[in-house]
Amino acid sequence: MSEVTRCGYIAIIGRPNVGKSTLLNHILGQKISITSRKPQTTRHRILGIKTDGQNQMVFIDTPGVHREAKKALNRYMNRTATSAIHDVDMIVFVVEALQWQSDDEWIFKKIKSLNVPLIVAINKVDKVTDKERLLPYIEKMAAKFPNAIVLPLSALKNDNIRKLEEVLEKFLPENPHFFPDDQVTDVTERFMASEVIREKLMKSLGQELPYALTVQIEEFTEEPKIIKIGAIIWTEKTSHKSIIIGKEGQVLKKVGTAARSDLETYFAKKVFLRLWVKVKESWSDNERALHNLGYRHDE
C-alpha cells in the first residue's frame, strides 16, 4: 500500500520589504527570488517548490502590495500579488515585528474573509532589541487574526523557519505531487538571468533610480562550456543612462562582474555577459511597453 502524498499551493503575501523573498529562499535552501533592502524588489509571481518525502509545498512569492499604485508597473504588481491569494490552499501573511502599517491593514481587509488556513508570520524579530515589546505585538496579531496561527520568526537568521514548515505541512491536502520531486522553481533561465542583473543594479544604485529600470535578455546561448548572455538595461531618462554606466563605465562594470559571478554559481558554468543601457521613456507607466518587456499576466 503506497503512502499518502500531499501537495498544496501556498501564497506568500505582504507589503513591500517585509522579507517575503528572503523567507522563501531560506525555506528552499537556495536563491530563486532576488532580494535587496529596497522595497518592491520582487515584481513578478515566482513559484518555489519544496518536496520533502511525501509532502510537496508549492510557494507563490508575490510582489509587495502597496495601496498607492500610481504607475502601471505598480498596478501590475498589485494585481499579480492579489490574484495569487485566490485558488490557493493556504496563505502566509508576512508582517514586520512592531511595524503594522496602513498597507498591512489594506492586505488584512483583502484576506480576512478568505476561507483557507492563514499563518501570520511576524518577521524580523531579530531586529527587536527590547524583546519585552514583542509579546504584546504577538498578542495584538493573535487578537486581530483569531482564526490564524501567529508565528514569530527571522527569515534572515533562519530562526523558526522549520516550525513554519511544520505548520504548513499539517494543512497540506491529499494530492499527487504537481511537480517533479527535484524541481525547485518554474522560472526560466532567461528570467533568472534578468533578475540577477536587476538585483545587482538595485544594490549598486541610489534610492530612486532602480525603480525606473528593467532588464531584457536579448541573447541567451548555451554552449558546452559557456553560456553567452546579452542584456539590455532599460531606463526612463537619458540622464539616468550616464549614472548607470558610471564614470569610465565603472558602475556598469561592477554590476556586470557581480551578476556574472552569481550566474556562474547558479548555472554551474562559465558565463560571458554583455550589458547595454538604453532609454525607453516612461516605460513603467505604459501598459504596452510593460507587456513587451515581460510584465504579463499569462500565468
Protein backbone atom coordinates (compact mmCIF):
# COMPACT_ATOMS: atom_id res chain seq x y z
CA MET A 1 0.00 0.00 0.00
CA SER A 2 1.52 3.31 -1.10
CA GLU A 3 1.90 6.22 1.30
CA VAL A 4 -0.45 9.17 1.05
CA THR A 5 1.09 12.08 -0.88
CA ARG A 6 0.25 15.66 -0.02
CA CYS A 7 0.64 18.77 -2.12
CA GLY A 8 -0.71 22.31 -1.99
CA TYR A 9 -0.25 25.90 -3.13
CA ILE A 10 0.83 28.46 -0.54
CA ALA A 11 0.70 32.20 -1.26
CA ILE A 12 3.28 34.38 0.48
CA ILE A 13 1.86 37.89 0.69
CA GLY A 14 2.73 41.13 2.46
CA ARG A 15 3.63 44.75 1.94
CA PRO A 16 6.97 45.69 0.32
CA ASN A 17 10.21 44.94 2.12
CA VAL A 18 8.89 42.65 4.87
CA GLY A 19 11.16 39.78 3.79
CA LYS A 20 8.93 37.53 1.68
CA SER A 21 11.64 36.58 -0.83
CA THR A 22 14.26 36.05 1.88
CA LEU A 23 11.81 33.75 3.65
CA LEU A 24 11.17 31.69 0.51
CA ASN A 25 14.88 31.41 -0.31
CA HIS A 26 15.60 30.06 3.17
CA ILE A 27 12.75 27.56 3.00
CA LEU A 28 14.03 26.25 -0.33
CA GLY A 29 17.67 26.31 0.73
CA GLN A 30 18.64 28.16 -2.42
CA LYS A 31 18.09 31.52 -4.05
CA ILE A 32 15.29 31.79 -6.59
CA SER A 33 13.92 35.23 -5.64
CA ILE A 34 16.21 38.25 -5.75
CA THR A 35 16.48 40.38 -2.63
CA SER A 36 17.61 43.87 -1.68
CA ARG A 37 16.96 46.36 1.09
CA LYS A 38 14.88 48.45 -1.29
CA PRO A 39 11.10 47.92 -1.32
CA GLN A 40 9.36 46.40 -4.35
CA THR A 41 12.34 44.31 -5.39
CA THR A 42 10.07 41.44 -6.43
CA ARG A 43 7.97 42.38 -9.47
CA HIS A 44 6.68 39.02 -10.72
CA ARG A 45 4.95 35.96 -9.35
CA ILE A 46 7.57 33.29 -8.72
CA LEU A 47 6.95 29.67 -7.80
CA GLY A 48 9.19 27.94 -5.28
CA ILE A 49 8.74 24.18 -4.86
CA LYS A 50 9.88 22.19 -1.83
CA THR A 51 9.44 18.43 -1.82
CA ASP A 52 10.18 16.52 1.37
CA GLY A 53 9.28 12.86 1.12
CA GLN A 54 5.53 12.56 0.59
CA ASN A 55 4.95 16.30 1.06
CA GLN A 56 5.27 18.92 -1.66
CA MET A 57 4.73 22.62 -0.89
CA VAL A 58 4.33 24.98 -3.85
CA PHE A 59 5.01 28.53 -2.70
CA ILE A 60 3.93 31.60 -4.65
CA ASP A 61 6.24 34.53 -3.93
CA THR A 62 4.47 37.79 -4.78
CA PRO A 63 5.37 41.47 -5.19
CA GLY A 64 4.80 43.67 -2.16
CA VAL A 65 1.25 45.01 -2.03
CA HIS A 66 1.03 48.79 -1.70
CA ARG A 67 -2.08 51.00 -1.79
CA GLU A 68 -0.56 53.93 -3.69
CA ALA A 69 -0.18 52.31 -7.09
CA LYS A 70 0.47 55.40 -9.18
CA LYS A 71 2.10 53.82 -12.23
CA ALA A 72 1.12 50.95 -14.50
CA LEU A 73 4.04 48.90 -13.14
CA ASN A 74 2.77 49.32 -9.57
CA ARG A 75 -0.76 48.36 -10.61
CA TYR A 76 0.65 45.29 -12.38
CA MET A 77 2.48 44.27 -9.20
CA ASN A 78 -0.64 44.70 -7.07
CA ARG A 79 -2.74 42.63 -9.47
CA THR A 80 -0.07 39.93 -9.52
CA ALA A 81 0.01 39.76 -5.72
CA THR A 82 -3.71 39.91 -5.02
CA SER A 83 -4.58 37.37 -7.73
CA ALA A 84 -2.22 34.88 -6.04
CA ILE A 85 -4.35 34.67 -2.89
CA HIS A 86 -7.23 33.03 -4.76
CA ASP A 87 -7.27 29.31 -5.51
CA VAL A 88 -4.50 28.53 -3.01
CA ASP A 89 -4.62 26.04 -0.16
CA MET A 90 -3.19 28.39 2.46
CA ILE A 91 -1.75 31.87 2.90
CA VAL A 92 1.36 33.07 4.72
CA PHE A 93 0.86 36.76 5.53
CA VAL A 94 4.29 38.21 6.33
CA VAL A 95 4.34 41.25 8.61
CA GLU A 96 7.22 43.02 10.30
CA ALA A 97 7.69 42.88 14.06
CA LEU A 98 6.36 46.06 15.76
CA GLN A 99 5.68 47.67 12.36
CA TRP A 100 1.97 47.38 11.48
CA GLN A 101 1.31 49.91 8.69
CA SER A 102 -1.56 51.09 6.51
CA ASP A 103 -0.53 48.72 3.69
CA ASP A 104 -0.70 45.81 6.17
CA GLU A 105 -4.23 46.88 7.10
CA TRP A 106 -5.19 47.07 3.43
CA ILE A 107 -3.98 43.50 2.86
CA PHE A 108 -5.73 42.34 6.04
CA LYS A 109 -9.06 43.56 4.67
CA LYS A 110 -8.49 41.60 1.45
CA ILE A 111 -7.65 38.30 3.11
CA LYS A 112 -9.74 38.25 6.31
CA SER A 113 -12.79 36.70 4.64
CA LEU A 114 -10.89 34.01 2.70
CA ASN A 115 -11.74 30.50 3.79
CA VAL A 116 -8.25 28.97 3.82
CA PRO A 117 -5.73 28.36 6.62
CA LEU A 118 -3.83 31.56 7.41
CA ILE A 119 -0.42 31.81 9.02
CA VAL A 120 0.69 35.27 10.15
CA ALA A 121 4.49 35.22 10.05
CA ILE A 122 5.92 38.01 12.19
CA ASN A 123 9.31 38.52 10.54
CA LYS A 124 12.46 40.40 11.57
CA VAL A 125 12.14 39.59 15.27
CA ASP A 126 15.95 39.62 15.35
CA LYS A 127 15.81 43.39 14.86
CA VAL A 128 13.77 43.93 18.03
CA THR A 129 16.26 44.85 20.75
CA ASP A 130 13.68 45.10 23.54
CA LYS A 131 12.15 41.61 23.44
CA GLU A 132 9.56 42.58 26.08
CA ARG A 133 7.82 44.65 23.40
CA LEU A 134 7.43 41.60 21.19
CA LEU A 135 4.89 39.64 23.25
CA PRO A 136 2.22 42.43 23.27
CA TYR A 137 2.63 42.72 19.48
CA ILE A 138 2.19 38.96 19.04
CA GLU A 139 -0.92 39.10 21.26
CA LYS A 140 -2.24 42.02 19.21
CA MET A 141 -1.82 40.00 15.98
CA ALA A 142 -3.47 36.95 17.59
CA ALA A 143 -6.47 39.10 18.57
CA LYS A 144 -6.67 40.63 15.08
CA PHE A 145 -6.46 37.19 13.43
CA PRO A 146 -8.43 34.93 15.80
CA ASN A 147 -8.55 32.03 13.32
CA ALA A 148 -4.92 32.26 12.23
CA ILE A 149 -1.71 30.75 13.52
CA VAL A 150 0.65 33.55 14.55
CA LEU A 151 4.33 32.68 14.38
CA PRO A 152 7.31 34.96 15.14
CA LEU A 153 10.43 34.26 13.08
CA SER A 154 13.52 35.68 11.44
CA ALA A 155 13.91 34.78 7.76
CA LEU A 156 17.38 36.35 7.66
CA LYS A 157 18.66 34.39 10.67
CA ASN A 158 16.77 31.22 9.66
CA ASP A 159 15.07 31.27 13.06
CA ASN A 160 11.78 29.34 13.44
CA ILE A 161 11.63 28.59 9.69
CA ARG A 162 11.39 24.86 10.32
CA LYS A 163 8.48 25.47 12.71
CA LEU A 164 6.68 27.36 9.94
CA GLU A 165 7.22 24.45 7.56
CA GLU A 166 5.81 22.00 10.11
CA VAL A 167 2.68 24.13 10.48
CA LEU A 168 2.23 24.33 6.71
CA GLU A 169 2.73 20.59 6.24
CA LYS A 170 -0.18 19.90 8.60
CA PHE A 171 -2.54 21.80 6.30
CA LEU A 172 -1.38 20.21 3.04
CA PRO A 173 -4.29 18.46 1.29
CA GLU A 174 -4.02 14.94 -0.08
CA ASN A 175 -2.91 15.33 -3.68
CA PRO A 176 -0.41 13.84 -6.09
CA HIS A 177 2.69 16.00 -6.41
CA PHE A 178 2.12 18.70 -9.03
CA PHE A 179 5.81 18.97 -9.99
CA PRO A 180 8.74 16.55 -10.30
CA ASP A 181 10.33 15.99 -6.90
CA ASP A 182 13.63 17.56 -7.99
CA GLN A 183 12.10 20.76 -9.43
CA VAL A 184 12.62 23.87 -7.29
CA THR A 185 11.06 26.65 -9.37
CA ASP A 186 9.13 27.39 -12.56
CA VAL A 187 11.22 30.37 -13.66
CA THR A 188 13.18 30.13 -16.90
CA GLU A 189 16.93 30.55 -17.14
CA ARG A 190 16.47 33.75 -19.14
CA PHE A 191 14.19 35.16 -16.43
CA MET A 192 16.69 34.24 -13.72
CA ALA A 193 19.47 35.97 -15.65
CA SER A 194 17.45 39.19 -15.98
CA GLU A 195 16.53 39.15 -12.28
CA VAL A 196 20.12 38.64 -11.10
CA ILE A 197 21.28 41.60 -13.21
CA ARG A 198 18.44 43.75 -11.85
CA GLU A 199 19.33 42.76 -8.27
CA LYS A 200 22.91 43.94 -8.77
CA LEU A 201 21.64 47.22 -10.23
CA MET A 202 19.39 47.76 -7.21
CA LYS A 203 22.30 47.16 -4.86
CA SER A 204 24.70 49.42 -6.79
CA LEU A 205 22.48 52.45 -7.41
CA GLY A 206 20.75 55.06 -5.24
CA GLN A 207 17.29 55.03 -3.76
CA GLU A 208 15.02 56.08 -6.62
CA LEU A 209 16.82 55.04 -9.81
CA PRO A 210 16.28 51.23 -9.56
CA TYR A 211 12.51 51.67 -9.88
CA ALA A 212 12.98 53.20 -13.32
CA LEU A 213 14.99 50.19 -14.50
CA THR A 214 14.17 46.87 -16.04
CA VAL A 215 16.30 44.22 -17.73
CA GLN A 216 15.55 42.45 -21.00
CA ILE A 217 17.54 39.43 -22.16
CA GLU A 218 18.40 39.76 -25.86
CA GLU A 219 20.68 36.74 -26.18
CA PHE A 220 20.90 33.50 -24.23
CA THR A 221 23.08 30.92 -25.93
CA GLU A 222 24.22 27.83 -24.07
CA GLU A 223 27.34 26.10 -25.36
CA PRO A 224 29.09 23.05 -23.86
CA LYS A 225 31.47 25.09 -21.68
CA ILE A 226 29.95 28.56 -21.56
CA ILE A 227 26.66 30.47 -21.58
CA LYS A 228 26.60 33.71 -23.58
CA ILE A 229 24.12 36.29 -22.26
CA GLY A 230 23.37 39.68 -23.75
CA ALA A 231 21.05 42.00 -21.80
CA ILE A 232 19.58 45.46 -22.26
CA ILE A 233 19.10 47.62 -19.18
CA TRP A 234 16.16 49.90 -19.93
CA THR A 235 15.84 53.19 -18.11
CA GLU A 236 13.36 56.04 -18.46
CA LYS A 237 15.64 59.07 -18.81
CA THR A 238 18.82 59.91 -20.71
CA SER A 239 20.22 61.43 -17.51
CA HIS A 240 19.83 58.04 -15.81
CA LYS A 241 21.85 56.29 -18.51
CA SER A 242 25.10 58.02 -17.58
CA ILE A 243 24.54 57.22 -13.88
CA ILE A 244 24.05 53.52 -14.63
CA ILE A 245 27.17 53.40 -16.79
CA GLY A 246 29.19 55.47 -14.33
CA LYS A 247 32.47 57.31 -14.78
CA GLU A 248 34.54 55.43 -17.35
CA GLY A 249 31.94 52.65 -17.20
CA GLN A 250 32.81 51.70 -13.62
CA VAL A 251 29.25 51.21 -12.31
CA LEU A 252 28.19 49.02 -15.22
CA LYS A 253 31.41 47.03 -14.95
CA LYS A 254 30.80 46.45 -11.23
CA VAL A 255 27.21 45.33 -11.91
CA GLY A 256 28.36 43.01 -14.70
CA THR A 257 31.09 41.42 -12.59
CA ALA A 258 28.75 40.78 -9.63
CA ALA A 259 25.97 39.45 -11.88
CA ARG A 260 28.31 37.16 -13.80
CA SER A 261 29.65 35.69 -10.54
CA ASP A 262 26.14 34.86 -9.28
CA LEU A 263 25.07 33.47 -12.65
CA GLU A 264 28.10 31.20 -12.87
CA THR A 265 27.20 29.83 -9.44
CA TYR A 266 23.55 29.39 -10.44
CA PHE A 267 24.26 27.72 -13.81
CA ALA A 268 27.44 25.92 -12.64
CA LYS A 269 29.08 27.04 -15.87
CA LYS A 270 31.21 29.91 -17.18
CA VAL A 271 29.17 32.93 -18.26
CA PHE A 272 30.05 35.59 -20.83
CA LEU A 273 27.86 38.61 -20.07
CA ARG A 274 27.36 41.73 -22.17
CA LEU A 275 25.27 44.67 -20.95
CA TRP A 276 23.84 47.65 -22.83
CA VAL A 277 21.96 50.62 -21.38
CA LYS A 278 19.12 52.10 -23.44
CA VAL A 279 16.37 54.65 -22.84
CA LYS A 280 12.65 53.95 -23.20
CA GLU A 281 10.78 56.94 -21.82
CA SER A 282 8.04 56.26 -19.26
CA TRP A 283 8.13 52.50 -19.81
CA SER A 284 6.91 51.88 -16.24
CA ASP A 285 3.65 53.75 -16.90
CA ASN A 286 2.89 52.28 -20.31
CA GLU A 287 0.82 49.09 -20.44
CA ARG A 288 2.04 48.11 -23.92
CA ALA A 289 5.69 48.71 -23.02
CA LEU A 290 5.27 46.63 -19.86
CA HIS A 291 3.79 43.77 -21.85
CA ASN A 292 6.65 43.88 -24.36
CA LEU A 293 9.18 43.85 -21.52
CA GLY A 294 7.72 40.69 -19.99
CA TYR A 295 5.25 42.08 -17.45
CA ARG A 296 2.32 39.84 -18.38
CA HIS A 297 -0.46 38.04 -16.56
CA ASP A 298 -0.06 34.88 -18.59
CA GLU A 299 0.16 32.58 -15.60
